[in-house]
Protein backbone atom coordinates (compact mmCIF):
# COMPACT_ATOMS: atom_id res chain seq x y z
CA MET A 1 0.01 0.10 0.24
CA GLU A 2 3.01 2.27 0.73
CA HIS A 3 4.37 2.03 -2.87
CA ILE A 4 0.76 2.58 -4.53
CA GLU A 5 0.64 5.49 -2.45
CA LEU A 6 3.85 6.87 -3.21
CA PHE A 7 3.49 6.44 -6.93
CA PHE A 8 0.53 8.10 -7.01
CA LYS A 9 1.14 10.73 -5.22
CA SER A 10 4.56 11.42 -6.91
CA ILE A 11 2.57 11.62 -10.31
CA PHE A 12 -0.61 13.56 -9.49
CA ILE A 13 -0.40 15.21 -6.10
CA ASP A 14 3.40 16.22 -5.97
CA ASN A 15 3.82 16.58 -9.94
CA MET A 16 7.29 18.15 -10.69
CA VAL A 17 5.76 20.84 -13.24
CA PHE A 18 2.07 21.78 -11.76
CA ALA A 19 3.08 21.15 -7.97
CA THR A 20 6.53 22.59 -7.97
CA PHE A 21 6.98 24.18 -11.37
CA LEU A 22 10.38 22.25 -11.78
CA GLY A 23 11.72 21.59 -15.47
CA MET A 24 9.84 24.60 -17.08
CA CYS A 25 12.64 25.24 -19.39
CA SER A 26 12.72 22.11 -21.21
CA TYR A 27 8.91 21.97 -20.29
CA LEU A 28 8.30 25.22 -22.35
CA ALA A 29 11.14 24.58 -24.98
CA VAL A 30 10.42 20.91 -26.23
CA SER A 31 6.68 20.97 -26.12
CA LYS A 32 5.87 22.35 -29.56
CA LYS A 33 5.38 18.79 -31.16
CA VAL A 34 4.03 15.87 -29.21
CA SER A 35 6.86 13.52 -30.79
CA THR A 36 9.62 15.19 -29.10
CA ALA A 37 7.59 15.84 -26.15
CA VAL A 38 7.31 11.94 -25.92
CA GLY A 39 11.12 11.42 -26.56
CA LEU A 40 12.35 14.03 -23.66
CA GLY A 41 9.63 12.27 -21.09
CA ALA A 42 10.83 9.07 -21.71
CA ALA A 43 14.44 10.23 -21.34
CA VAL A 44 13.49 12.03 -17.92
CA ILE A 45 11.67 8.71 -16.59
CA PHE A 46 14.79 6.81 -17.51
CA VAL A 47 17.12 9.54 -16.03
CA LEU A 48 14.78 9.57 -12.74
CA ALA A 49 14.47 6.11 -12.42
CA ILE A 50 18.39 5.57 -12.59
CA THR A 51 19.49 8.83 -10.43
CA VAL A 52 16.93 8.63 -7.53
CA PRO A 53 17.89 5.18 -6.23
CA LEU A 54 21.87 5.48 -6.98
CA ASN A 55 21.31 8.75 -4.99
CA TRP A 56 19.49 6.95 -2.24
CA LEU A 57 22.25 4.55 -1.91
CA LEU A 58 25.10 7.37 -1.98
CA ASP A 59 23.15 9.27 0.72
CA GLN A 60 22.46 6.20 3.15
CA TYR A 61 25.86 4.68 2.54
CA LEU A 62 28.01 7.89 2.39
CA LEU A 63 26.67 11.05 2.89
CA GLN A 64 24.54 11.09 5.97
CA PRO A 65 25.88 11.50 9.20
CA GLY A 66 27.25 8.54 10.58
CA ALA A 67 26.64 6.70 7.45
CA LEU A 68 30.61 5.78 6.98
CA SER A 69 30.03 3.46 10.14
CA TRP A 70 30.00 0.53 8.04
CA LEU A 71 33.96 1.24 7.09
CA GLY A 72 34.77 1.27 11.10
CA GLU A 73 33.93 3.09 14.26
CA GLU A 74 36.56 5.50 13.41
CA TYR A 75 34.50 6.76 10.74
CA ALA A 76 31.36 7.18 12.38
CA ASP A 77 31.59 10.78 13.39
CA TYR A 78 32.21 11.55 9.69
CA ASP A 79 29.44 13.91 7.93
CA LEU A 80 30.00 14.53 4.37
CA SER A 81 26.28 15.87 3.67
CA PHE A 82 28.16 19.00 2.36
CA LEU A 83 28.94 16.85 -0.73
CA SER A 84 25.29 16.14 -1.72
CA PHE A 85 24.68 18.67 -4.38
CA ILE A 86 28.03 17.71 -5.98
CA MET A 87 27.88 13.92 -5.66
CA PHE A 88 24.07 13.94 -6.93
CA ILE A 89 24.90 16.26 -10.34
CA ALA A 90 27.88 13.98 -10.82
CA THR A 91 25.40 11.00 -10.91
CA ILE A 92 22.90 12.92 -12.99
CA ALA A 93 25.22 14.19 -15.49
CA THR A 94 27.02 10.26 -16.00
CA MET A 95 23.29 9.21 -16.25
CA VAL A 96 22.26 12.04 -18.82
CA GLN A 97 25.82 11.22 -20.92
CA LEU A 98 24.70 7.38 -21.02
CA VAL A 99 21.33 8.52 -22.34
CA GLU A 100 22.45 11.11 -24.56
CA ILE A 101 24.65 8.47 -26.24
CA VAL A 102 21.79 5.84 -27.04
CA VAL A 103 19.49 8.45 -28.26
CA GLU A 104 22.15 9.33 -30.66
CA LYS A 105 22.77 5.57 -31.71
CA PHE A 106 19.46 4.28 -32.06
CA SER A 107 17.09 7.45 -33.00
CA PRO A 108 19.08 10.19 -34.83
CA SER A 109 15.86 11.85 -35.90
CA LEU A 110 14.96 12.35 -32.19
CA TYR A 111 18.54 12.97 -31.28
CA ASN A 112 18.46 16.28 -33.60
CA SER A 113 15.06 17.01 -32.83
CA LEU A 114 16.00 17.79 -29.02
CA GLY A 115 19.08 19.46 -30.09
CA ILE A 116 20.60 21.28 -27.03
CA PHE A 117 17.76 20.39 -24.62
CA LEU A 118 18.73 16.48 -24.09
CA PRO A 119 22.17 17.25 -22.77
CA LEU A 120 20.64 20.06 -20.73
CA ILE A 121 18.87 17.22 -18.44
CA ALA A 122 21.88 17.20 -16.48
CA VAL A 123 20.96 20.75 -15.13
CA ASN A 124 17.41 20.04 -15.30
CA CYS A 125 15.99 21.13 -11.97
CA ALA A 126 13.40 18.27 -12.05
CA ILE A 127 15.85 15.67 -12.33
CA LEU A 128 18.24 17.17 -9.27
CA GLY A 129 14.66 18.14 -7.25
CA GLY A 130 13.85 14.44 -7.41
CA SER A 131 17.01 13.41 -5.61
CA LEU A 132 16.42 16.24 -2.84
CA PHE A 133 12.85 15.30 -2.30
CA MET A 134 14.04 12.10 -1.89
CA GLN A 135 16.68 12.99 0.51
CA SER A 136 14.38 15.71 2.63
CA ARG A 137 11.27 13.39 2.52
CA GLU A 138 13.58 10.84 4.11
CA ILE A 139 12.53 7.87 1.96
CA ALA A 140 13.28 4.78 3.74
CA THR A 141 14.12 1.95 1.33
CA LEU A 142 15.58 1.24 -2.15
CA GLY A 143 12.42 0.20 -3.41
CA LEU A 144 10.54 3.21 -2.33
CA ALA A 145 13.48 5.25 -4.13
CA LEU A 146 12.89 3.37 -7.24
CA ASN A 147 8.98 3.83 -6.81
CA TYR A 148 9.49 7.72 -6.35
CA GLY A 149 11.98 8.20 -8.87
CA VAL A 150 9.64 6.48 -11.77
CA GLY A 151 6.40 7.96 -10.55
CA SER A 152 8.16 11.83 -10.53
CA GLY A 153 9.38 10.86 -14.20
CA ILE A 154 6.18 9.76 -15.19
CA GLY A 155 4.38 12.58 -13.83
CA TRP A 156 6.57 15.11 -15.56
CA PHE A 157 6.21 13.09 -18.70
CA LEU A 158 2.29 13.57 -18.39
CA ALA A 159 2.79 17.24 -18.02
CA ILE A 160 4.72 17.87 -21.07
CA LEU A 161 2.68 15.45 -22.99
CA ALA A 162 -0.36 17.21 -22.43
CA ILE A 163 1.09 20.59 -22.87
CA ALA A 164 2.59 19.45 -26.11
CA ALA A 165 -1.22 18.07 -27.57
CA ILE A 166 -2.46 21.08 -26.31
CA ARG A 167 -0.17 23.54 -28.48
CA GLU A 168 -0.47 21.42 -31.46
CA LYS A 169 -4.57 22.04 -31.28
CA ILE A 170 -3.99 25.60 -30.57
CA ARG A 171 -1.99 26.09 -33.24
CA TYR A 172 -5.17 26.28 -35.44
CA SER A 173 -7.12 28.06 -32.84
CA ASN A 174 -8.03 31.70 -33.12
CA VAL A 175 -5.64 32.86 -30.25
CA PRO A 176 -5.69 36.51 -29.49
CA PRO A 177 -2.35 38.03 -30.94
CA ALA A 178 -1.20 39.48 -27.55
CA LEU A 179 -1.65 35.78 -26.10
CA ARG A 180 0.25 33.67 -28.62
CA GLY A 181 3.46 31.96 -28.26
CA LEU A 182 4.25 31.55 -24.30
CA GLY A 183 1.45 33.57 -23.14
CA ILE A 184 -1.30 30.89 -23.95
CA THR A 185 0.93 28.37 -22.68
CA PHE A 186 1.78 29.77 -19.39
CA ILE A 187 -1.91 30.54 -19.02
CA ILE A 188 -2.92 26.81 -19.94
CA THR A 189 -0.12 25.63 -17.61
CA GLY A 190 -1.73 27.43 -14.81
CA LEU A 191 -5.08 26.19 -15.72
CA MET A 192 -3.62 22.62 -15.71
CA ALA A 193 -1.85 23.18 -12.23
CA ILE A 194 -5.15 23.69 -10.71
CA GLY A 195 -6.82 20.92 -12.22
CA PHE A 196 -4.24 18.62 -10.59
CA MET A 197 -4.65 20.41 -7.11
CA SER A 198 -7.96 18.59 -7.38
CA PHE A 199 -6.13 15.26 -7.03
CA GLY A 200 -4.81 16.53 -3.58
CA GLY A 201 -8.12 14.78 -2.11
CA MET A 202 -7.10 11.44 -3.62
CA LEU A 203 -5.01 10.19 -0.63
CA THR A 204 -6.81 12.40 2.22
CA GLY A 205 -10.30 10.19 2.73
CA GLY A 206 -8.59 7.94 5.48
CA GLU A 207 -7.38 10.65 7.59
CA GLU A 208 -10.91 12.29 8.06
CA GLU A 209 -12.24 8.94 9.71
CA ALA A 210 -10.57 9.24 12.67
CA PRO A 211 -12.39 12.42 14.28
CA LYS A 212 -15.74 10.86 13.34
CA GLU A 213 -14.68 7.73 15.50
CA GLU A 214 -13.52 9.72 18.43
CA LYS A 215 -16.42 11.85 18.29
CA THR A 216 -18.71 8.61 18.52
CA ALA A 217 -16.49 7.62 21.27
CA LYS A 218 -17.31 10.58 23.25
CA VAL A 219 -20.68 10.41 22.58
CA GLU A 220 -20.87 7.16 23.64
CA SER A 221 -18.76 7.80 26.63
CA LYS A 222 -21.09 10.74 27.76
CA ASP A 223 -24.08 8.49 27.13
CA SER A 224 -22.59 5.84 29.48
CA THR A 225 -22.04 8.03 32.38
CA LYS A 226 -24.95 9.50 32.02
CA GLU A 227 -26.28 5.89 32.80
CA ASP A 228 -24.20 5.33 35.34
CA LYS A 229 -25.58 8.68 37.28
CA VAL A 230 -28.95 7.29 36.55
CA LEU A 231 -28.21 3.89 37.90
CA ALA A 232 -26.24 5.60 40.95
CA ASN A 233 -29.24 7.70 41.63
CA ASN A 234 -31.91 4.63 41.52
CA ILE A 235 -29.51 2.73 44.10
CA LYS A 236 -29.58 5.43 46.43
CA VAL A 237 -33.13 5.96 46.26
CA THR A 238 -33.62 2.03 47.03
CA GLU A 239 -31.24 2.13 49.83
């Protein structure tokens, strides 16, 4: 249940684009065509699925205070958390370089259409944000870290795919001249972000049940105390 909850939460509720507005540069620049949006979205899913678990391992066994205790007791007091940004970015840059080589080898047309934005995934704030959110939210296991990375990538993929499909449609629409281009794109993005906010109620149903149970318990306790008082008064009268 924890894996399912984290998966859907990272896609819909904590969406990288619509909840935190990360990765907006690539989101706006590569969303003119659905084909290029699908290619970049798939690359982002792959990079997040690899880098978030790898950075989780680095954080758990190298960067956290006391993480080096597995090397010996004399290393238990070391704190390398100040290296988090450098290590995370190095891992991301390595994986992006691998993705760039693979895309250039197997899909030269996609490589040419993505252009400079494919290597720029290394500095995409959504990629680094996935690892930093993983660290700040203290995700407990490697499986949950992989789940969070894949879910965050799918959320970013859905966002850029949706805006690319809409931008292809509005290209033939009667948009006012002052709003053409990035103007109408920003407006649509804001409206989509408001729509995604409605998913925030998906995982809050169970939290509202506890107060109701507490209220019923209080009512029952009040009724029982009233009955006890009535019985006590009856006993006194009979005596």
